[in-house]
PDB file of all heavy atoms in Angstrom:
ATOM      1  N   ALA A   1       0.850  -1.195  -0.007  1.00  0.00           N
ATOM      2  CA  ALA A   1       0.016   0.000   0.009  1.00  0.00           C
ATOM      3  C   ALA A   1       0.899   1.257   0.009  1.00  0.00           C
ATOM      4  O   ALA A   1       2.074   1.157   0.232  1.00  0.00           O
ATOM      5  CB  ALA A   1      -0.903  -0.005   1.230  1.00  0.00           C
ATOM      6  N   MET A   2       0.276   2.420  -0.254  1.00  0.00           N
ATOM      7  CA  MET A   2       0.973   3.696  -0.201  1.00  0.00           C
ATOM      8  C   MET A   2       0.848   4.179   1.207  1.00  0.00           C
ATOM      9  O   MET A   2      -0.192   4.096   1.867  1.00  0.00           O
ATOM     10  CB  MET A   2       0.355   4.694  -1.200  1.00  0.00           C
ATOM     11  CG  MET A   2       0.431   4.257  -2.632  1.00  0.00           C
ATOM     12  SD  MET A   2       2.130   3.889  -3.211  1.00  0.00           S
ATOM     13  CE  MET A   2       2.955   5.415  -2.748  1.00  0.00           C
ATOM     14  N   ARG A   3       1.877   4.858   1.713  1.00  0.00           N
ATOM     15  CA  ARG A   3       1.882   5.453   3.017  1.00  0.00           C
ATOM     16  C   ARG A   3       2.511   6.887   2.955  1.00  0.00           C
ATOM     17  O   ARG A   3       3.033   7.245   1.903  1.00  0.00           O
ATOM     18  CB  ARG A   3       2.729   4.581   4.036  1.00  0.00           C
ATOM     19  CG  ARG A   3       2.023   3.235   4.355  1.00  0.00           C
ATOM     20  CD  ARG A   3       0.783   3.508   5.171  1.00  0.00           C
ATOM     21  NE  ARG A   3       0.139   2.253   5.619  1.00  0.00           N
ATOM     22  CZ  ARG A   3      -0.849   1.682   4.956  1.00  0.00           C
ATOM     23  NH1 ARG A   3      -1.274   2.206   3.800  1.00  0.00           N
ATOM     24  NH2 ARG A   3      -1.409   0.577   5.382  1.00  0.00           N
ATOM     25  N   ASP A   4       2.491   7.587   4.012  1.00  0.00           N
ATOM     26  CA  ASP A   4       3.086   8.932   4.126  1.00  0.00           C
ATOM     27  C   ASP A   4       2.603   9.850   2.994  1.00  0.00           C
ATOM     28  O   ASP A   4       3.358  10.432   2.269  1.00  0.00           O
ATOM     29  CB  ASP A   4       4.608   8.838   4.124  1.00  0.00           C
ATOM     30  CG  ASP A   4       5.148   8.034   5.276  1.00  0.00           C
ATOM     31  OD1 ASP A   4       4.448   7.797   6.231  1.00  0.00           O
ATOM     32  OD2 ASP A   4       6.329   7.668   5.207  1.00  0.00           O
ATOM     33  N   GLU A   5       1.293   9.941   2.890  1.00  0.00           N
ATOM     34  CA  GLU A   5       0.643  10.839   1.902  1.00  0.00           C
ATOM     35  C   GLU A   5       1.112  10.487   0.462  1.00  0.00           C
ATOM     36  O   GLU A   5       1.318  11.401  -0.363  1.00  0.00           O
ATOM     37  CB  GLU A   5       0.913  12.288   2.256  1.00  0.00           C
ATOM     38  CG  GLU A   5       0.343  12.698   3.624  1.00  0.00           C
ATOM     39  CD  GLU A   5       0.566  14.159   3.917  1.00  0.00           C
ATOM     40  OE1 GLU A   5       1.440  14.788   3.232  1.00  0.00           O
ATOM     41  OE2 GLU A   5      -0.094  14.695   4.816  1.00  0.00           O
ATOM     42  N   GLY A   6       1.259   9.231   0.162  1.00  0.00           N
ATOM     43  CA  GLY A   6       1.588   8.811  -1.180  1.00  0.00           C
ATOM     44  C   GLY A   6       3.062   8.953  -1.530  1.00  0.00           C
ATOM     45  O   GLY A   6       3.403   8.808  -2.748  1.00  0.00           O
ATOM     46  N   THR A   7       3.938   9.128  -0.574  1.00  0.00           N
ATOM     47  CA  THR A   7       5.407   9.273  -0.868  1.00  0.00           C
ATOM     48  C   THR A   7       6.184   8.006  -0.489  1.00  0.00           C
ATOM     49  O   THR A   7       7.387   7.995  -0.661  1.00  0.00           O
ATOM     50  CB  THR A   7       6.005  10.482  -0.167  1.00  0.00           C
ATOM     51  OG1 THR A   7       5.942  10.298   1.297  1.00  0.00           O
ATOM     52  CG2 THR A   7       5.279  11.763  -0.522  1.00  0.00           C
ATOM     53  N   ARG A   8       5.516   6.983   0.046  1.00  0.00           N
ATOM     54  CA  ARG A   8       6.228   5.796   0.397  1.00  0.00           C
ATOM     55  C   ARG A   8       5.352   4.553   0.049  1.00  0.00           C
ATOM     56  O   ARG A   8       4.241   4.442   0.460  1.00  0.00           O
ATOM     57  CB  ARG A   8       6.574   5.726   1.896  1.00  0.00           C
ATOM     58  CG  ARG A   8       7.238   4.418   2.369  1.00  0.00           C
ATOM     59  CD  ARG A   8       7.924   4.541   3.723  1.00  0.00           C
ATOM     60  NE  ARG A   8       6.960   4.890   4.796  1.00  0.00           N
ATOM     61  CZ  ARG A   8       6.268   4.007   5.503  1.00  0.00           C
ATOM     62  NH1 ARG A   8       6.497   2.709   5.366  1.00  0.00           N
ATOM     63  NH2 ARG A   8       5.441   4.368   6.436  1.00  0.00           N
ATOM     64  N   LEU A   9       5.909   3.657  -0.747  1.00  0.00           N
ATOM     65  CA  LEU A   9       5.318   2.417  -1.120  1.00  0.00           C
ATOM     66  C   LEU A   9       5.903   1.336  -0.229  1.00  0.00           C
ATOM     67  O   LEU A   9       7.143   1.202  -0.190  1.00  0.00           O
ATOM     68  CB  LEU A   9       5.539   2.103  -2.600  1.00  0.00           C
ATOM     69  CG  LEU A   9       5.210   0.736  -3.076  1.00  0.00           C
ATOM     70  CD1 LEU A   9       3.726   0.461  -3.004  1.00  0.00           C
ATOM     71  CD2 LEU A   9       5.705   0.530  -4.541  1.00  0.00           C
ATOM     72  N   ARG A  10       5.090   0.526   0.443  1.00  0.00           N
ATOM     73  CA  ARG A  10       5.653  -0.503   1.287  1.00  0.00           C
ATOM     74  C   ARG A  10       4.833  -1.780   1.262  1.00  0.00           C
ATOM     75  O   ARG A  10       3.617  -1.782   0.986  1.00  0.00           O
ATOM     76  CB  ARG A  10       5.842   0.018   2.709  1.00  0.00           C
ATOM     77  CG  ARG A  10       4.538   0.233   3.450  1.00  0.00           C
ATOM     78  CD  ARG A  10       4.281  -0.961   4.378  1.00  0.00           C
ATOM     79  NE  ARG A  10       3.338  -0.667   5.379  1.00  0.00           N
ATOM     80  CZ  ARG A  10       2.153  -1.130   5.358  1.00  0.00           C
ATOM     81  NH1 ARG A  10       1.657  -1.821   4.276  1.00  0.00           N
ATOM     82  NH2 ARG A  10       1.246  -0.905   6.331  1.00  0.00           N
ATOM     83  N   GLY A  11       5.522  -2.874   1.566  1.00  0.00           N
ATOM     84  CA  GLY A  11       4.832  -4.168   1.638  1.00  0.00           C
ATOM     85  C   GLY A  11       5.871  -5.266   1.946  1.00  0.00           C
ATOM     86  O   GLY A  11       7.054  -5.048   1.949  1.00  0.00           O
ATOM     87  N   SER A  12       5.369  -6.473   2.170  1.00  0.00           N
ATOM     88  CA  SER A  12       6.247  -7.636   2.385  1.00  0.00           C
ATOM     89  C   SER A  12       6.266  -8.465   1.107  1.00  0.00           C
ATOM     90  O   SER A  12       5.307  -8.544   0.394  1.00  0.00           O
ATOM     91  CB  SER A  12       5.719  -8.457   3.553  1.00  0.00           C
ATOM     92  OG  SER A  12       5.724  -7.739   4.767  1.00  0.00           O
ATOM     93  N   LEU A  13       7.429  -9.124   0.906  1.00  0.00           N
ATOM     94  CA  LEU A  13       7.548 -10.076  -0.206  1.00  0.00           C
ATOM     95  C   LEU A  13       8.665 -11.062   0.230  1.00  0.00           C
ATOM     96  O   LEU A  13       9.765 -10.648   0.549  1.00  0.00           O
ATOM     97  CB  LEU A  13       7.982  -9.353  -1.496  1.00  0.00           C
ATOM     98  CG  LEU A  13       7.785 -10.172  -2.754  1.00  0.00           C
ATOM     99  CD1 LEU A  13       6.341 -10.554  -2.979  1.00  0.00           C
ATOM    100  CD2 LEU A  13       8.307  -9.385  -3.981  1.00  0.00           C
ATOM    101  N   GLY A  14       8.254 -12.362   0.208  1.00  0.00           N
ATOM    102  CA  GLY A  14       9.214 -13.385   0.618  1.00  0.00           C
ATOM    103  C   GLY A  14       9.542 -13.107   2.097  1.00  0.00           C
ATOM    104  O   GLY A  14       8.669 -12.989   2.912  1.00  0.00           O
ATOM    105  N   HIS A  15      10.798 -13.106   2.397  1.00  0.00           N
ATOM    106  CA  HIS A  15      11.304 -12.980   3.749  1.00  0.00           C
ATOM    107  C   HIS A  15      11.639 -11.556   4.141  1.00  0.00           C
ATOM    108  O   HIS A  15      12.290 -11.278   5.153  1.00  0.00           O
ATOM    109  CB  HIS A  15      12.475 -13.866   4.006  1.00  0.00           C
ATOM    110  CG  HIS A  15      12.265 -15.325   3.809  1.00  0.00           C
ATOM    111  ND1 HIS A  15      11.404 -16.040   4.607  1.00  0.00           N
ATOM    112  CD2 HIS A  15      12.713 -16.169   2.862  1.00  0.00           C
ATOM    113  CE1 HIS A  15      11.366 -17.270   4.201  1.00  0.00           C
ATOM    114  NE2 HIS A  15      12.144 -17.364   3.147  1.00  0.00           N
ATOM    115  N   PHE A  16      11.170 -10.549   3.299  1.00  0.00           N
ATOM    116  CA  PHE A  16      11.616  -9.186   3.490  1.00  0.00           C
ATOM    117  C   PHE A  16      10.437  -8.222   3.561  1.00  0.00           C
ATOM    118  O   PHE A  16       9.380  -8.450   2.960  1.00  0.00           O
ATOM    119  CB  PHE A  16      12.525  -8.753   2.363  1.00  0.00           C
ATOM    120  CG  PHE A  16      13.833  -9.482   2.341  1.00  0.00           C
ATOM    121  CD1 PHE A  16      13.950 -10.567   1.547  1.00  0.00           C
ATOM    122  CD2 PHE A  16      14.923  -9.072   3.098  1.00  0.00           C
ATOM    123  CE1 PHE A  16      15.186 -11.294   1.492  1.00  0.00           C
ATOM    124  CE2 PHE A  16      16.128  -9.766   3.074  1.00  0.00           C
ATOM    125  CZ  PHE A  16      16.253 -10.893   2.279  1.00  0.00           C
ATOM    126  N   ASP A  17      10.633  -7.105   4.305  1.00  0.00           N
ATOM    127  CA  ASP A  17       9.796  -5.920   4.207  1.00  0.00           C
ATOM    128  C   ASP A  17      10.480  -4.924   3.344  1.00  0.00           C
ATOM    129  O   ASP A  17      11.716  -4.723   3.482  1.00  0.00           O
ATOM    130  CB  ASP A  17       9.547  -5.342   5.578  1.00  0.00           C
ATOM    131  CG  ASP A  17       8.732  -6.174   6.515  1.00  0.00           C
ATOM    132  OD1 ASP A  17       7.926  -6.976   5.988  1.00  0.00           O
ATOM    133  OD2 ASP A  17       8.855  -6.082   7.749  1.00  0.00           O
ATOM    134  N   VAL A  18       9.786  -4.361   2.392  1.00  0.00           N
ATOM    135  CA  VAL A  18      10.319  -3.481   1.357  1.00  0.00           C
ATOM    136  C   VAL A  18       9.630  -2.113   1.395  1.00  0.00           C
ATOM    137  O   VAL A  18       8.400  -2.053   1.507  1.00  0.00           O
ATOM    138  CB  VAL A  18      10.165  -4.090  -0.038  1.00  0.00           C
ATOM    139  CG1 VAL A  18      10.931  -3.252  -1.092  1.00  0.00           C
ATOM    140  CG2 VAL A  18      10.667  -5.538  -0.039  1.00  0.00           C
ATOM    141  N   HIS A  19      10.414  -1.060   1.313  1.00  0.00           N
ATOM    142  CA  HIS A  19       9.903   0.278   1.316  1.00  0.00           C
ATOM    143  C   HIS A  19      10.563   1.073   0.180  1.00  0.00           C
ATOM    144  O   HIS A  19      11.803   1.141   0.063  1.00  0.00           O
ATOM    145  CB  HIS A  19      10.200   1.054   2.639  1.00  0.00           C
ATOM    146  CG  HIS A  19       9.639   0.340   3.836  1.00  0.00           C
ATOM    147  ND1 HIS A  19       8.507   0.779   4.477  1.00  0.00           N
ATOM    148  CD2 HIS A  19      10.061  -0.706   4.548  1.00  0.00           C
ATOM    149  CE1 HIS A  19       8.217   0.001   5.527  1.00  0.00           C
ATOM    150  NE2 HIS A  19       9.203  -0.939   5.575  1.00  0.00           N
ATOM    151  N   PHE A  20       9.795   1.738  -0.682  1.00  0.00           N
ATOM    152  CA  PHE A  20      10.244   2.533  -1.783  1.00  0.00           C
ATOM    153  C   PHE A  20       9.988   4.021  -1.485  1.00  0.00           C
ATOM    154  O   PHE A  20       8.872   4.367  -1.094  1.00  0.00           O
ATOM    155  CB  PHE A  20       9.563   2.206  -3.079  1.00  0.00           C
ATOM    156  CG  PHE A  20      10.042   0.964  -3.739  1.00  0.00           C
ATOM    157  CD1 PHE A  20       9.551  -0.312  -3.404  1.00  0.00           C
ATOM    158  CD2 PHE A  20      11.028   1.009  -4.738  1.00  0.00           C
ATOM    159  CE1 PHE A  20       9.994  -1.438  -4.024  1.00  0.00           C
ATOM    160  CE2 PHE A  20      11.475  -0.141  -5.387  1.00  0.00           C
ATOM    161  CZ  PHE A  20      10.938  -1.382  -5.042  1.00  0.00           C
ATOM    162  N   THR A  21      10.968   4.848  -1.709  1.00  0.00           N
ATOM    163  CA  THR A  21      10.802   6.269  -1.701  1.00  0.00           C
ATOM    164  C   THR A  21      11.588   6.915  -2.884  1.00  0.00           C
ATOM    165  O   THR A  21      12.589   6.335  -3.302  1.00  0.00           O
ATOM    166  CB  THR A  21      11.268   6.957  -0.375  1.00  0.00           C
ATOM    167  OG1 THR A  21      12.614   6.555  -0.098  1.00  0.00           O
ATOM    168  CG2 THR A  21      10.334   6.571   0.743  1.00  0.00           C
ATOM    169  N   ALA A  22      11.129   8.054  -3.372  1.00  0.00           N
ATOM    170  CA  ALA A  22      11.801   8.758  -4.442  1.00  0.00           C
ATOM    171  C   ALA A  22      12.152  10.166  -3.921  1.00  0.00           C
ATOM    172  O   ALA A  22      11.325  10.788  -3.260  1.00  0.00           O
ATOM    173  CB  ALA A  22      10.996   8.816  -5.738  1.00  0.00           C
ATOM    174  N   HIS A  23      13.351  10.664  -4.289  1.00  0.00           N
ATOM    175  CA  HIS A  23      13.799  11.942  -3.750  1.00  0.00           C
ATOM    176  C   HIS A  23      14.429  12.794  -4.861  1.00  0.00           C
ATOM    177  O   HIS A  23      15.051  12.226  -5.795  1.00  0.00           O
ATOM    178  CB  HIS A  23      14.853  11.723  -2.674  1.00  0.00           C
ATOM    179  CG  HIS A  23      14.501  10.708  -1.637  1.00  0.00           C
ATOM    180  ND1 HIS A  23      14.161  11.131  -0.332  1.00  0.00           N
ATOM    181  CD2 HIS A  23      14.389   9.357  -1.634  1.00  0.00           C
ATOM    182  CE1 HIS A  23      13.815  10.032   0.382  1.00  0.00           C
ATOM    183  NE2 HIS A  23      14.020   8.991  -0.372  1.00  0.00           N
ATOM    184  N   TRP A  24      14.308  14.110  -4.736  1.00  0.00           N
ATOM    185  CA  TRP A  24      15.066  14.957  -5.575  1.00  0.00           C
ATOM    186  C   TRP A  24      15.510  16.236  -4.766  1.00  0.00           C
ATOM    187  O   TRP A  24      15.021  16.414  -3.640  1.00  0.00           O
ATOM    188  CB  TRP A  24      14.410  15.285  -6.864  1.00  0.00           C
ATOM    189  CG  TRP A  24      13.253  16.321  -6.879  1.00  0.00           C
ATOM    190  CD1 TRP A  24      12.642  16.862  -5.814  1.00  0.00           C
ATOM    191  CD2 TRP A  24      12.651  16.819  -8.029  1.00  0.00           C
ATOM    192  NE1 TRP A  24      11.621  17.721  -6.244  1.00  0.00           N
ATOM    193  CE2 TRP A  24      11.637  17.766  -7.574  1.00  0.00           C
ATOM    194  CE3 TRP A  24      12.825  16.658  -9.368  1.00  0.00           C
ATOM    195  CZ2 TRP A  24      10.824  18.434  -8.458  1.00  0.00           C
ATOM    196  CZ3 TRP A  24      12.025  17.350 -10.287  1.00  0.00           C
ATOM    197  CH2 TRP A  24      11.072  18.245  -9.816  1.00  0.00           C
ATOM    198  N   VAL A  25      16.351  17.068  -5.376  1.00  0.00           N
ATOM    199  CA  VAL A  25      16.935  18.200  -4.704  1.00  0.00           C
ATOM    200  C   VAL A  25      15.953  19.343  -4.621  1.00  0.00           C
ATOM    201  O   VAL A  25      15.210  19.657  -5.634  1.00  0.00           O
ATOM    202  CB  VAL A  25      18.176  18.646  -5.451  1.00  0.00           C
ATOM    203  CG1 VAL A  25      18.767  19.946  -4.825  1.00  0.00           C
ATOM    204  CG2 VAL A  25      19.261  17.577  -5.444  1.00  0.00           C
ATOM    205  N   VAL A  26      15.824  19.944  -3.451  1.00  0.00           N
ATOM    206  CA  VAL A  26      14.968  21.154  -3.236  1.00  0.00           C
ATOM    207  C   VAL A  26      15.729  22.355  -3.814  1.00  0.00           C
ATOM    208  O   VAL A  26      16.940  22.540  -3.647  1.00  0.00           O
ATOM    209  CB  VAL A  26      14.765  21.419  -1.746  1.00  0.00           C
ATOM    210  CG1 VAL A  26      13.969  22.713  -1.548  1.00  0.00           C
ATOM    211  CG2 VAL A  26      14.006  20.243  -1.099  1.00  0.00           C
ATOM    212  N   ARG A  27      15.007  23.190  -4.632  1.00  0.00           N
ATOM    213  CA  ARG A  27      15.642  24.326  -5.273  1.00  0.00           C
ATOM    214  C   ARG A  27      14.834  25.599  -4.976  1.00  0.00           C
ATOM    215  O   ARG A  27      13.642  25.547  -4.772  1.00  0.00           O
ATOM    216  CB  ARG A  27      15.731  24.083  -6.764  1.00  0.00           C
ATOM    217  CG  ARG A  27      16.710  22.956  -7.101  1.00  0.00           C
ATOM    218  CD  ARG A  27      16.836  22.689  -8.579  1.00  0.00           C
ATOM    219  NE  ARG A  27      17.818  21.599  -8.778  1.00  0.00           N
ATOM    220  CZ  ARG A  27      19.114  21.758  -8.974  1.00  0.00           C
ATOM    221  NH1 ARG A  27      19.605  22.957  -9.006  1.00  0.00           N
ATOM    222  NH2 ARG A  27      19.927  20.742  -9.111  1.00  0.00           N
ATOM    223  N   ASP A  28      15.611  26.695  -5.007  1.00  0.00           N
ATOM    224  CA  ASP A  28      14.907  28.006  -4.761  1.00  0.00           C
ATOM    225  C   ASP A  28      14.275  28.501  -6.022  1.00  0.00           C
ATOM    226  O   ASP A  28      14.279  27.854  -7.054  1.00  0.00           O
ATOM    227  CB  ASP A  28      15.881  29.035  -4.139  1.00  0.00           C
ATOM    228  CG  ASP A  28      17.069  29.343  -5.068  1.00  0.00           C
ATOM    229  OD1 ASP A  28      16.966  29.054  -6.300  1.00  0.00           O
ATOM    230  OD2 ASP A  28      18.118  29.778  -4.550  1.00  0.00           O
ATOM    231  N   GLU A  29      13.724  29.762  -6.003  1.00  0.00           N
ATOM    232  CA  GLU A  29      13.044  30.335  -7.185  1.00  0.00           C
ATOM    233  C   GLU A  29      13.975  30.506  -8.385  1.00  0.00           C
ATOM    234  O   GLU A  29      13.534  30.519  -9.512  1.00  0.00           O
ATOM    235  CB  GLU A  29      12.428  31.655  -6.776  1.00  0.00           C
ATOM    236  CG  GLU A  29      11.263  31.516  -5.751  1.00  0.00           C
ATOM    237  CD  GLU A  29      10.670  32.843  -5.437  1.00  0.00           C
ATOM    238  OE1 GLU A  29      11.192  33.884  -5.906  1.00  0.00           O
ATOM    239  OE2 GLU A  29       9.699  32.873  -4.662  1.00  0.00           O
ATOM    240  N   GLU A  30      15.273  30.573  -8.105  1.00  0.00           N
ATOM    241  CA  GLU A  30      16.261  30.732  -9.210  1.00  0.00           C
ATOM    242  C   GLU A  30      16.785  29.387  -9.670  1.00  0.00           C
ATOM    243  O   GLU A  30      17.594  29.355 -10.596  1.00  0.00           O
ATOM    244  CB  GLU A  30      17.403  31.628  -8.738  1.00  0.00           C
ATOM    245  CG  GLU A  30      17.004  33.040  -8.350  1.00  0.00           C
ATOM    246  CD  GLU A  30      18.177  33.825  -7.876  1.00  0.00           C
ATOM    247  OE1 GLU A  30      19.277  33.263  -7.713  1.00  0.00           O
ATOM    248  OE2 GLU A  30      18.020  35.068  -7.664  1.00  0.00           O
ATOM    249  N   GLY A  31      16.262  28.311  -9.059  1.00  0.00           N
ATOM    250  CA  GLY A  31      16.669  26.978  -9.538  1.00  0.00           C
ATOM    251  C   GLY A  31      17.962  26.520  -8.900  1.00  0.00           C
ATOM    252  O   GLY A  31      18.493  25.459  -9.255  1.00  0.00           O
ATOM    253  N   LYS A  32      18.451  27.194  -7.859  1.00  0.00           N
ATOM    254  CA  LYS A  32      19.715  26.817  -7.160  1.00  0.00           C
ATOM    255  C   LYS A  32      19.352  25.885  -5.979  1.00  0.00           C
ATOM    256  O   LYS A  32      18.305  26.086  -5.322  1.00  0.00           O
ATOM    257  CB  LYS A  32      20.416  28.002  -6.618  1.00  0.00           C
ATOM    258  CG  LYS A  32      20.904  28.932  -7.752  1.00  0.00           C
ATOM    259  CD  LYS A  32      21.654  30.163  -7.161  1.00  0.00           C
ATOM    260  CE  LYS A  32      22.147  31.100  -8.236  1.00  0.00           C
ATOM    261  NZ  LYS A  32      22.813  32.277  -7.707  1.00  0.00           N
ATOM    262  N   PRO A  33      20.134  24.825  -5.728  1.00  0.00           N
ATOM    263  CA  PRO A  33      19.897  23.925  -4.645  1.00  0.00           C
ATOM    264  C   PRO A  33      19.880  24.642  -3.305  1.00  0.00           C
ATOM    265  O   PRO A  33      20.688  25.576  -2.999  1.00  0.00           O
ATOM    266  CB  PRO A  33      21.085  22.974  -4.680  1.00  0.00           C
ATOM    267  CG  PRO A  33      21.576  23.049  -6.096  1.00  0.00           C
ATOM    268  CD  PRO A  33      21.348  24.465  -6.531  1.00  0.00           C
ATOM    269  N   VAL A  34      18.938  24.273  -2.419  1.00  0.00           N
ATOM    270  CA  VAL A  34      18.826  24.836  -1.103  1.00  0.00           C
ATOM    271  C   VAL A  34      19.695  23.959  -0.197  1.00  0.00           C
ATOM    272  O   VAL A  34      19.600  22.772  -0.176  1.00  0.00           O
ATOM    273  CB  VAL A  34      17.360  24.767  -0.614  1.00  0.00           C
ATOM    274  CG1 VAL A  34      17.314  25.266   0.860  1.00  0.00           C
ATOM    275  CG2 VAL A  34      16.495  25.671  -1.481  1.00  0.00           C
ATOM    276  N   LYS A  35      20.594  24.598   0.565  1.00  0.00           N
ATOM    277  CA  LYS A  35      21.572  23.883   1.418  1.00  0.00           C
ATOM    278  C   LYS A  35      21.317  24.170   2.881  1.00  0.00           C
ATOM    279  O   LYS A  35      20.899  25.230   3.220  1.00  0.00           O
ATOM    280  CB  LYS A  35      23.012  24.211   0.991  1.00  0.00           C
ATOM    281  CG  LYS A  35      23.314  23.806  -0.458  1.00  0.00           C
ATOM    282  CD  LYS A  35      24.773  24.122  -0.829  1.00  0.00           C
ATOM    283  CE  LYS A  35      25.059  23.687  -2.298  1.00  0.00           C
ATOM    284  NZ  LYS A  35      26.468  23.951  -2.639  1.00  0.00           N
ATOM    285  N   ASP A  36      21.784  23.226   3.743  1.00  0.00           N
ATOM    286  CA  ASP A  36      21.625  23.439   5.168  1.00  0.00           C
ATOM    287  C   ASP A  36      22.897  24.205   5.703  1.00  0.00           C
ATOM    288  O   ASP A  36      23.763  24.596   4.866  1.00  0.00           O
ATOM    289  CB  ASP A  36      21.443  22.087   5.920  1.00  0.00           C
ATOM    290  CG  ASP A  36      22.613  21.157   5.752  1.00  0.00           C
ATOM    291  OD1 ASP A  36      23.779  21.589   5.329  1.00  0.00           O
ATOM    292  OD2 ASP A  36      22.440  19.939   5.986  1.00  0.00           O
ATOM    293  N   GLU A  37      22.995  24.322   6.993  1.00  0.00           N
ATOM    294  CA  GLU A  37      24.105  25.122   7.572  1.00  0.00           C
ATOM    295  C   GLU A  37      25.467  24.454   7.314  1.00  0.00           C
ATOM    296  O   GLU A  37      26.470  25.152   7.403  1.00  0.00           O
ATOM    297  CB  GLU A  37      23.844  25.241   9.110  1.00  0.00           C
ATOM    298  CG  GLU A  37      23.879  23.976   9.929  1.00  0.00           C
ATOM    299  CD  GLU A  37      22.536  23.271   9.876  1.00  0.00           C
ATOM    300  OE1 GLU A  37      21.618  23.719   9.165  1.00  0.00           O
ATOM    301  OE2 GLU A  37      22.416  22.195  10.503  1.00  0.00           O
ATOM    302  N   ARG A  38      25.503  23.188   7.001  1.00  0.00           N
ATOM    303  CA  ARG A  38      26.753  22.524   6.715  1.00  0.00           C
ATOM    304  C   ARG A  38      27.071  22.525   5.183  1.00  0.00           C
ATOM    305  O   ARG A  38      28.060  21.965   4.794  1.00  0.00           O
ATOM    306  CB  ARG A  38      26.754  21.089   7.176  1.00  0.00           C
ATOM    307  CG  ARG A  38      26.629  20.923   8.723  1.00  0.00           C
ATOM    308  CD  ARG A  38      26.419  19.500   9.067  1.00  0.00           C
ATOM    309  NE  ARG A  38      25.200  18.979   8.495  1.00  0.00           N
ATOM    310  CZ  ARG A  38      24.961  17.665   8.415  1.00  0.00           C
ATOM    311  NH1 ARG A  38      25.772  16.776   8.752  1.00  0.00           N
ATOM    312  NH2 ARG A  38      23.801  17.292   7.859  1.00  0.00           N
ATOM    313  N   GLY A  39      26.193  23.167   4.452  1.00  0.00           N
ATOM    314  CA  GLY A  39      26.400  23.179   2.978  1.00  0.00           C
ATOM    315  C   GLY A  39      25.971  21.974   2.231  1.00  0.00           C
ATOM    316  O   GLY A  39      26.296  21.794   1.052  1.00  0.00           O
ATOM    317  N   ILE A  40      25.147  21.121   2.900  1.00  0.00           N
ATOM    318  CA  ILE A  40      24.614  19.895   2.233  1.00  0.00           C
ATOM    319  C   ILE A  40      23.283  20.245   1.625  1.00  0.00           C
ATOM    320  O   ILE A  40      22.405  20.745   2.284  1.00  0.00           O
ATOM    321  CB  ILE A  40      24.496  18.765   3.257  1.00  0.00           C
ATOM    322  CG1 ILE A  40      25.852  18.483   3.964  1.00  0.00           C
ATOM    323  CG2 ILE A  40      24.010  17.470   2.510  1.00  0.00           C
ATOM    324  CD1 ILE A  40      26.977  18.108   3.020  1.00  0.00           C
ATOM    325  N   GLN A  41      23.095  19.906   0.402  1.00  0.00           N
ATOM    326  CA  GLN A  41      21.854  20.252  -0.261  1.00  0.00           C
ATOM    327  C   GLN A  41      20.693  19.446   0.259  1.00  0.00           C
ATOM    328  O   GLN A  41      20.817  18.301   0.631  1.00  0.00           O
ATOM    329  CB  GLN A  41      21.958  20.083  -1.794  1.00  0.00           C
ATOM    330  CG  GLN A  41      22.388  18.733  -2.278  1.00  0.00           C
ATOM    331  CD  GLN A  41      22.812  18.793  -3.748  1.00  0.00           C
ATOM    332  OE1 GLN A  41      22.911  19.879  -4.325  1.00  0.00           O
ATOM    333  NE2 GLN A  41      23.086  17.646  -4.349  1.00  0.00           N
ATOM    334  N   GLN A  42      19.515  20.084   0.326  1.00  0.00           N
ATOM    335  CA  GLN A  42      18.294  19.496   0.878  1.00  0.00           C
ATOM    336  C   GLN A  42      17.534  18.766  -0.201  1.00  0.00           C
ATOM    337  O   GLN A  42      17.542  19.183  -1.390  1.00  0.00           O
ATOM    338  CB  GLN A  42      17.453  20.596   1.539  1.00  0.00           C
ATOM    339  CG  GLN A  42      18.151  21.318   2.673  1.00  0.00           C
ATOM    340  CD  GLN A  42      18.459  20.349   3.759  1.00  0.00           C
ATOM    341  OE1 GLN A  42      17.584  19.916   4.510  1.00  0.00           O
ATOM    342  NE2 GLN A  42      19.783  20.057   3.953  1.00  0.00           N
TER     343      GLN A  42
END
């Protein structure tokens, strides 16, 4: 089923629990990556 407002797909298969998520870089209005205080992009 889908969880977390449709951002996580999860279920069991065989001997495992499996969770899928997809991610991309947050960007500002100018298209530049938004970074945290350590300079790591969000």
